[in-house]
């Protein structure tokens, strides 16, 4: 599913985000946060396999992944995505954030692990920083 909105010219704009998360309600909230901050397009995937297929199709500017998803989890998806897109920023946005996970995530090419306890505005700001269009 693709959602596009008119963008506010004062905001950072024109970027595409891929949100890969199995919970549709949370996925829509994350998508809305990115779209309200000037992202042009948000494409959604329900699991790692859907996320990889969507990324190949749209070549997003940044990807957010959940850790725990059926079919293919975020770390497995990140590993495959990193091979396809060596420089694309990826954020693991997960409930289970700890040092061991951050180490594992870095090994498969995740740029940043963020706990779901942070505000969505922080997720969006970190995304801009990773893309080089900082805060």
N, C-alpha and C. Protein backbone atom coordinates (compact mmCIF):
# COMPACT_ATOMS: atom_id res chain seq x y z
N UNK A 1 0.84 -1.19 0.00
CA UNK A 1 0.00 0.00 0.00
C UNK A 1 0.88 1.24 0.00
N UNK A 2 0.55 2.21 -0.82
CA UNK A 2 1.30 3.46 -0.90
C UNK A 2 0.38 4.60 -0.51
N UNK A 3 0.89 5.51 0.33
CA UNK A 3 0.13 6.67 0.75
C UNK A 3 0.94 7.91 0.34
N UNK A 4 0.33 8.83 -0.38
CA UNK A 4 1.01 10.07 -0.72
C UNK A 4 0.16 11.23 -0.25
N UNK A 5 0.83 12.32 0.15
CA UNK A 5 0.11 13.51 0.59
C UNK A 5 0.72 14.73 -0.06
N UNK A 6 -0.03 15.82 -0.08
CA UNK A 6 0.55 17.09 -0.49
C UNK A 6 1.55 17.49 0.59
N UNK A 7 2.66 18.01 0.18
CA UNK A 7 3.66 18.33 1.20
C UNK A 7 3.76 19.83 1.44
N UNK A 8 4.06 20.18 2.64
CA UNK A 8 4.27 21.56 3.04
C UNK A 8 5.64 21.98 2.53
N UNK A 9 5.73 23.03 1.69
CA UNK A 9 7.03 23.41 1.12
C UNK A 9 8.05 23.86 2.17
N UNK A 10 7.60 24.22 3.36
CA UNK A 10 8.54 24.64 4.40
C UNK A 10 9.23 23.45 5.05
N UNK A 11 8.65 22.28 4.90
CA UNK A 11 9.21 21.09 5.56
C UNK A 11 10.20 20.40 4.62
N UNK A 12 11.01 19.53 5.23
CA UNK A 12 11.89 18.70 4.41
C UNK A 12 10.99 17.83 3.56
N UNK A 13 11.33 17.66 2.30
CA UNK A 13 10.33 17.02 1.44
C UNK A 13 10.93 16.10 0.40
N UNK A 14 10.04 15.34 -0.22
CA UNK A 14 10.39 14.56 -1.38
C UNK A 14 10.97 13.19 -1.10
N UNK A 15 11.12 12.82 0.15
CA UNK A 15 11.75 11.54 0.48
C UNK A 15 10.70 10.43 0.57
N UNK A 16 11.19 9.20 0.39
CA UNK A 16 10.33 8.02 0.49
C UNK A 16 10.83 7.16 1.64
N UNK A 17 9.89 6.72 2.47
CA UNK A 17 10.22 5.83 3.59
C UNK A 17 9.48 4.51 3.39
N UNK A 18 10.14 3.43 3.76
CA UNK A 18 9.52 2.12 3.79
C UNK A 18 9.38 1.71 5.25
N UNK A 19 8.15 1.44 5.68
CA UNK A 19 7.87 1.04 7.06
C UNK A 19 7.48 -0.44 7.05
N UNK A 20 8.30 -1.27 7.69
CA UNK A 20 8.04 -2.71 7.73
C UNK A 20 7.72 -3.10 9.17
N UNK A 21 6.45 -3.45 9.40
CA UNK A 21 5.96 -3.71 10.74
C UNK A 21 4.73 -4.58 10.62
N UNK A 22 4.60 -5.59 11.48
CA UNK A 22 3.46 -6.50 11.36
C UNK A 22 2.16 -5.95 11.94
N UNK A 23 2.23 -5.01 12.86
CA UNK A 23 1.03 -4.44 13.47
C UNK A 23 0.55 -3.26 12.61
N UNK A 24 -0.61 -3.44 11.96
CA UNK A 24 -1.11 -2.43 11.02
C UNK A 24 -1.35 -1.07 11.67
N UNK A 25 -1.89 -1.06 12.90
CA UNK A 25 -2.19 0.20 13.58
C UNK A 25 -0.90 0.98 13.84
N UNK A 26 0.10 0.30 14.38
CA UNK A 26 1.38 0.96 14.66
C UNK A 26 2.05 1.38 13.35
N UNK A 27 1.96 0.54 12.34
CA UNK A 27 2.55 0.85 11.02
C UNK A 27 1.95 2.15 10.48
N UNK A 28 0.63 2.29 10.59
CA UNK A 28 -0.05 3.51 10.11
C UNK A 28 0.39 4.73 10.92
N UNK A 29 0.58 4.56 12.23
CA UNK A 29 1.04 5.68 13.06
C UNK A 29 2.44 6.12 12.65
N UNK A 30 3.32 5.17 12.39
CA UNK A 30 4.68 5.49 11.96
C UNK A 30 4.64 6.19 10.59
N UNK A 31 3.84 5.65 9.68
CA UNK A 31 3.69 6.25 8.35
C UNK A 31 3.19 7.69 8.46
N UNK A 32 2.19 7.91 9.30
CA UNK A 32 1.63 9.26 9.46
C UNK A 32 2.68 10.22 10.01
N UNK A 33 3.52 9.75 10.92
CA UNK A 33 4.56 10.61 11.49
C UNK A 33 5.54 11.05 10.39
N UNK A 34 5.94 10.14 9.54
CA UNK A 34 6.85 10.50 8.45
C UNK A 34 6.18 11.42 7.44
N UNK A 35 4.94 11.10 7.05
CA UNK A 35 4.24 11.93 6.06
C UNK A 35 3.98 13.33 6.59
N UNK A 36 3.69 13.46 7.88
CA UNK A 36 3.41 14.79 8.44
C UNK A 36 4.69 15.62 8.57
N UNK A 37 5.84 14.98 8.44
CA UNK A 37 7.11 15.70 8.56
C UNK A 37 7.74 15.96 7.19
N UNK A 38 6.96 15.86 6.14
CA UNK A 38 7.47 16.26 4.84
C UNK A 38 7.92 15.13 3.93
N UNK A 39 7.84 13.89 4.39
CA UNK A 39 8.13 12.79 3.47
C UNK A 39 7.03 12.75 2.42
N UNK A 40 7.40 12.49 1.18
CA UNK A 40 6.42 12.49 0.10
C UNK A 40 5.63 11.19 0.07
N UNK A 41 6.32 10.08 0.27
CA UNK A 41 5.71 8.77 0.10
C UNK A 41 6.08 7.84 1.24
N UNK A 42 5.11 7.07 1.68
CA UNK A 42 5.38 6.02 2.66
C UNK A 42 4.81 4.72 2.11
N UNK A 43 5.66 3.73 1.97
CA UNK A 43 5.23 2.42 1.52
C UNK A 43 5.33 1.49 2.72
N UNK A 44 4.36 0.60 2.85
CA UNK A 44 4.29 -0.26 4.02
C UNK A 44 4.46 -1.73 3.64
N UNK A 45 5.09 -2.47 4.55
CA UNK A 45 5.21 -3.91 4.41
C UNK A 45 4.86 -4.56 5.73
N UNK A 46 4.24 -5.74 5.67
CA UNK A 46 3.77 -6.41 6.88
C UNK A 46 4.84 -7.33 7.48
N UNK A 47 5.84 -7.71 6.67
CA UNK A 47 6.91 -8.57 7.18
C UNK A 47 8.16 -8.36 6.32
N UNK A 48 9.23 -9.01 6.70
CA UNK A 48 10.49 -8.80 6.00
C UNK A 48 10.44 -9.10 4.51
N UNK A 49 9.75 -10.18 4.13
CA UNK A 49 9.64 -10.52 2.70
C UNK A 49 8.92 -9.43 1.92
N UNK A 50 7.80 -8.95 2.48
CA UNK A 50 7.08 -7.84 1.82
C UNK A 50 7.96 -6.61 1.74
N UNK A 51 8.71 -6.37 2.81
CA UNK A 51 9.58 -5.20 2.85
C UNK A 51 10.65 -5.25 1.77
N UNK A 52 11.26 -6.40 1.59
CA UNK A 52 12.30 -6.54 0.56
C UNK A 52 11.70 -6.32 -0.83
N UNK A 53 10.54 -6.93 -1.09
CA UNK A 53 9.88 -6.76 -2.39
C UNK A 53 9.54 -5.28 -2.64
N UNK A 54 9.03 -4.61 -1.62
CA UNK A 54 8.68 -3.19 -1.76
C UNK A 54 9.94 -2.35 -1.99
N UNK A 55 11.00 -2.64 -1.27
CA UNK A 55 12.25 -1.87 -1.42
C UNK A 55 12.81 -2.02 -2.82
N UNK A 56 12.75 -3.21 -3.38
CA UNK A 56 13.24 -3.42 -4.74
C UNK A 56 12.41 -2.61 -5.73
N UNK A 57 11.12 -2.49 -5.45
CA UNK A 57 10.21 -1.79 -6.34
C UNK A 57 10.38 -0.26 -6.26
N UNK A 58 10.49 0.27 -5.03
CA UNK A 58 10.44 1.73 -4.88
C UNK A 58 11.79 2.38 -4.55
N UNK A 59 12.78 1.60 -4.15
CA UNK A 59 14.09 2.13 -3.76
C UNK A 59 13.95 3.33 -2.82
N UNK A 60 13.50 3.06 -1.58
CA UNK A 60 13.24 4.15 -0.63
C UNK A 60 14.52 4.87 -0.19
N UNK A 61 14.33 6.03 0.42
CA UNK A 61 15.46 6.79 0.96
C UNK A 61 15.88 6.24 2.32
N UNK A 62 14.95 5.64 3.04
CA UNK A 62 15.23 5.07 4.37
C UNK A 62 14.20 3.98 4.66
N UNK A 63 14.62 3.02 5.50
CA UNK A 63 13.74 1.91 5.87
C UNK A 63 13.69 1.80 7.39
N UNK A 64 12.48 1.61 7.93
CA UNK A 64 12.35 1.26 9.34
C UNK A 64 11.81 -0.16 9.40
N UNK A 65 12.40 -0.95 10.28
CA UNK A 65 12.03 -2.36 10.42
C UNK A 65 11.67 -2.66 11.87
N UNK A 66 10.74 -3.58 12.04
CA UNK A 66 10.46 -4.12 13.37
C UNK A 66 11.33 -5.37 13.53
N UNK A 67 11.61 -5.75 14.75
CA UNK A 67 12.40 -6.96 14.98
C UNK A 67 11.53 -8.20 14.84
N UNK A 68 10.46 -8.28 15.60
CA UNK A 68 9.64 -9.49 15.65
C UNK A 68 8.49 -9.42 14.66
N UNK A 69 8.62 -10.18 13.58
CA UNK A 69 7.53 -10.28 12.59
C UNK A 69 7.47 -11.72 12.11
N UNK A 70 6.26 -12.16 11.77
CA UNK A 70 6.12 -13.49 11.19
C UNK A 70 6.70 -13.49 9.79
N UNK A 71 6.96 -14.63 9.23
CA UNK A 71 7.50 -14.86 7.89
C UNK A 71 9.00 -14.56 7.85
N UNK A 72 9.38 -13.30 8.11
CA UNK A 72 10.80 -12.92 8.13
C UNK A 72 10.98 -11.75 9.07
N UNK A 73 11.88 -11.89 10.06
CA UNK A 73 12.04 -10.82 11.04
C UNK A 73 12.93 -9.68 10.51
N UNK A 74 13.03 -8.64 11.30
CA UNK A 74 13.76 -7.45 10.88
C UNK A 74 15.24 -7.67 10.62
N UNK A 75 15.89 -8.51 11.41
CA UNK A 75 17.32 -8.76 11.21
C UNK A 75 17.56 -9.54 9.92
N UNK A 76 16.72 -10.54 9.65
CA UNK A 76 16.85 -11.30 8.40
C UNK A 76 16.61 -10.39 7.20
N UNK A 77 15.58 -9.56 7.30
CA UNK A 77 15.28 -8.64 6.20
C UNK A 77 16.41 -7.64 6.00
N UNK A 78 16.96 -7.12 7.09
CA UNK A 78 18.04 -6.13 7.00
C UNK A 78 19.26 -6.72 6.29
N UNK A 79 19.56 -7.95 6.61
CA UNK A 79 20.70 -8.61 5.99
C UNK A 79 20.53 -8.68 4.47
N UNK A 80 19.34 -9.08 4.02
CA UNK A 80 19.04 -9.15 2.59
C UNK A 80 19.01 -7.76 1.96
N UNK A 81 18.40 -6.80 2.66
CA UNK A 81 18.31 -5.43 2.13
C UNK A 81 19.69 -4.79 2.00
N UNK A 82 20.57 -5.07 2.94
CA UNK A 82 21.90 -4.48 2.91
C UNK A 82 22.67 -4.94 1.67
N UNK A 83 22.44 -6.20 1.25
CA UNK A 83 23.09 -6.70 0.04
C UNK A 83 22.56 -5.97 -1.20
N UNK A 84 21.27 -5.67 -1.20
CA UNK A 84 20.66 -4.98 -2.33
C UNK A 84 20.99 -3.49 -2.35
N UNK A 85 21.04 -2.89 -1.16
CA UNK A 85 21.24 -1.44 -1.03
C UNK A 85 22.33 -1.17 0.00
N UNK A 86 23.60 -1.21 -0.43
CA UNK A 86 24.72 -1.11 0.52
C UNK A 86 24.74 0.17 1.36
N UNK A 87 24.18 1.26 0.86
CA UNK A 87 24.29 2.53 1.58
C UNK A 87 22.98 3.03 2.18
N UNK A 88 21.88 2.35 1.94
CA UNK A 88 20.58 2.83 2.41
C UNK A 88 20.48 2.79 3.94
N UNK A 89 20.09 3.90 4.57
CA UNK A 89 19.94 3.89 6.03
C UNK A 89 18.77 3.00 6.46
N UNK A 90 19.01 2.23 7.53
CA UNK A 90 17.96 1.37 8.09
C UNK A 90 17.91 1.55 9.60
N UNK A 91 16.69 1.66 10.11
CA UNK A 91 16.46 1.80 11.55
C UNK A 91 15.65 0.61 12.02
N UNK A 92 16.12 -0.04 13.07
CA UNK A 92 15.34 -1.10 13.72
C UNK A 92 14.56 -0.41 14.85
N UNK A 93 13.24 -0.35 14.71
CA UNK A 93 12.37 0.32 15.67
C UNK A 93 11.62 -0.77 16.41
N UNK A 94 12.06 -1.07 17.63
CA UNK A 94 11.60 -2.29 18.28
C UNK A 94 11.36 -2.11 19.77
N UNK A 95 10.55 -2.97 20.31
CA UNK A 95 10.28 -2.98 21.74
C UNK A 95 11.49 -3.48 22.51
N UNK A 96 12.24 -4.38 21.90
CA UNK A 96 13.32 -5.08 22.61
C UNK A 96 14.67 -4.47 22.28
N UNK A 97 15.02 -3.37 22.88
CA UNK A 97 16.30 -2.72 22.60
C UNK A 97 17.28 -3.00 23.73
N UNK A 98 18.45 -3.57 23.38
CA UNK A 98 19.51 -3.78 24.36
C UNK A 98 20.85 -3.86 23.64
N UNK A 99 21.92 -3.90 24.40
CA UNK A 99 23.26 -3.90 23.82
C UNK A 99 23.52 -5.07 22.89
N UNK A 100 23.07 -6.27 23.29
CA UNK A 100 23.28 -7.45 22.45
C UNK A 100 22.55 -7.31 21.12
N UNK A 101 21.33 -6.80 21.16
CA UNK A 101 20.57 -6.59 19.93
C UNK A 101 21.25 -5.55 19.05
N UNK A 102 21.74 -4.48 19.65
CA UNK A 102 22.41 -3.43 18.86
C UNK A 102 23.64 -3.99 18.15
N UNK A 103 24.39 -4.85 18.82
CA UNK A 103 25.56 -5.48 18.22
C UNK A 103 25.14 -6.37 17.05
N UNK A 104 24.11 -7.19 17.28
CA UNK A 104 23.61 -8.09 16.24
C UNK A 104 23.08 -7.28 15.05
N UNK A 105 22.35 -6.21 15.35
CA UNK A 105 21.78 -5.36 14.30
C UNK A 105 22.88 -4.71 13.46
N UNK A 106 23.94 -4.25 14.11
CA UNK A 106 25.04 -3.62 13.39
C UNK A 106 25.70 -4.62 12.43
N UNK A 107 25.77 -5.86 12.84
CA UNK A 107 26.39 -6.90 12.00
C UNK A 107 25.64 -7.10 10.69
N UNK A 108 24.33 -6.94 10.70
CA UNK A 108 23.55 -7.15 9.48
C UNK A 108 23.28 -5.84 8.72
N UNK A 109 23.85 -4.74 9.21
CA UNK A 109 23.76 -3.49 8.46
C UNK A 109 22.76 -2.48 8.95
N UNK A 110 22.16 -2.71 10.12
CA UNK A 110 21.24 -1.72 10.68
C UNK A 110 22.07 -0.53 11.16
N UNK A 111 21.65 0.68 10.81
CA UNK A 111 22.38 1.89 11.21
C UNK A 111 22.07 2.32 12.63
N UNK A 112 20.83 2.05 13.08
CA UNK A 112 20.40 2.56 14.38
C UNK A 112 19.30 1.66 14.93
N UNK A 113 19.39 1.37 16.24
CA UNK A 113 18.32 0.65 16.93
C UNK A 113 17.64 1.66 17.86
N UNK A 114 16.33 1.81 17.70
CA UNK A 114 15.57 2.71 18.55
C UNK A 114 14.49 1.92 19.26
N UNK A 115 14.30 2.21 20.53
CA UNK A 115 13.23 1.57 21.31
C UNK A 115 11.90 2.23 20.96
N UNK A 116 10.84 1.44 20.92
CA UNK A 116 9.51 1.98 20.62
C UNK A 116 9.00 2.91 21.70
N UNK A 117 9.74 3.02 22.80
CA UNK A 117 9.34 3.92 23.86
C UNK A 117 9.65 5.38 23.52
N UNK A 118 10.49 5.63 22.50
CA UNK A 118 10.79 7.01 22.12
C UNK A 118 9.61 7.57 21.31
N UNK A 119 9.42 8.88 21.35
CA UNK A 119 8.34 9.47 20.55
C UNK A 119 8.60 9.26 19.06
N UNK A 120 7.52 9.17 18.28
CA UNK A 120 7.67 9.00 16.83
C UNK A 120 8.44 10.17 16.22
N UNK A 121 8.32 11.35 16.82
CA UNK A 121 9.07 12.51 16.31
C UNK A 121 10.58 12.26 16.38
N UNK A 122 11.02 11.53 17.40
CA UNK A 122 12.44 11.18 17.53
C UNK A 122 12.84 10.23 16.41
N UNK A 123 11.99 9.25 16.11
CA UNK A 123 12.25 8.33 15.00
C UNK A 123 12.43 9.11 13.70
N UNK A 124 11.54 10.04 13.44
CA UNK A 124 11.60 10.83 12.20
C UNK A 124 12.87 11.70 12.18
N UNK A 125 13.19 12.34 13.30
CA UNK A 125 14.41 13.17 13.36
C UNK A 125 15.66 12.34 13.10
N UNK A 126 15.73 11.15 13.72
CA UNK A 126 16.88 10.27 13.51
C UNK A 126 16.97 9.83 12.05
N UNK A 127 15.81 9.61 11.43
CA UNK A 127 15.78 9.24 10.01
C UNK A 127 16.39 10.36 9.17
N UNK A 128 16.00 11.61 9.45
CA UNK A 128 16.56 12.74 8.72
C UNK A 128 18.07 12.82 8.93
N UNK A 129 18.52 12.61 10.16
CA UNK A 129 19.96 12.65 10.44
C UNK A 129 20.70 11.59 9.64
N UNK A 130 20.16 10.38 9.60
CA UNK A 130 20.81 9.30 8.86
C UNK A 130 20.85 9.57 7.35
N UNK A 131 19.85 10.27 6.86
CA UNK A 131 19.82 10.59 5.43
C UNK A 131 20.64 11.83 5.11
N UNK A 132 21.14 12.51 6.16
CA UNK A 132 21.95 13.69 5.92
C UNK A 132 21.15 14.96 5.74
N UNK A 133 19.86 14.92 6.10
CA UNK A 133 19.04 16.13 5.99
C UNK A 133 18.64 16.57 7.40
N UNK A 134 19.57 16.41 8.33
CA UNK A 134 19.40 16.60 9.77
C UNK A 134 18.42 17.65 10.24
N UNK A 135 18.27 17.67 11.56
CA UNK A 135 17.23 18.34 12.25
C UNK A 135 17.10 19.78 12.18
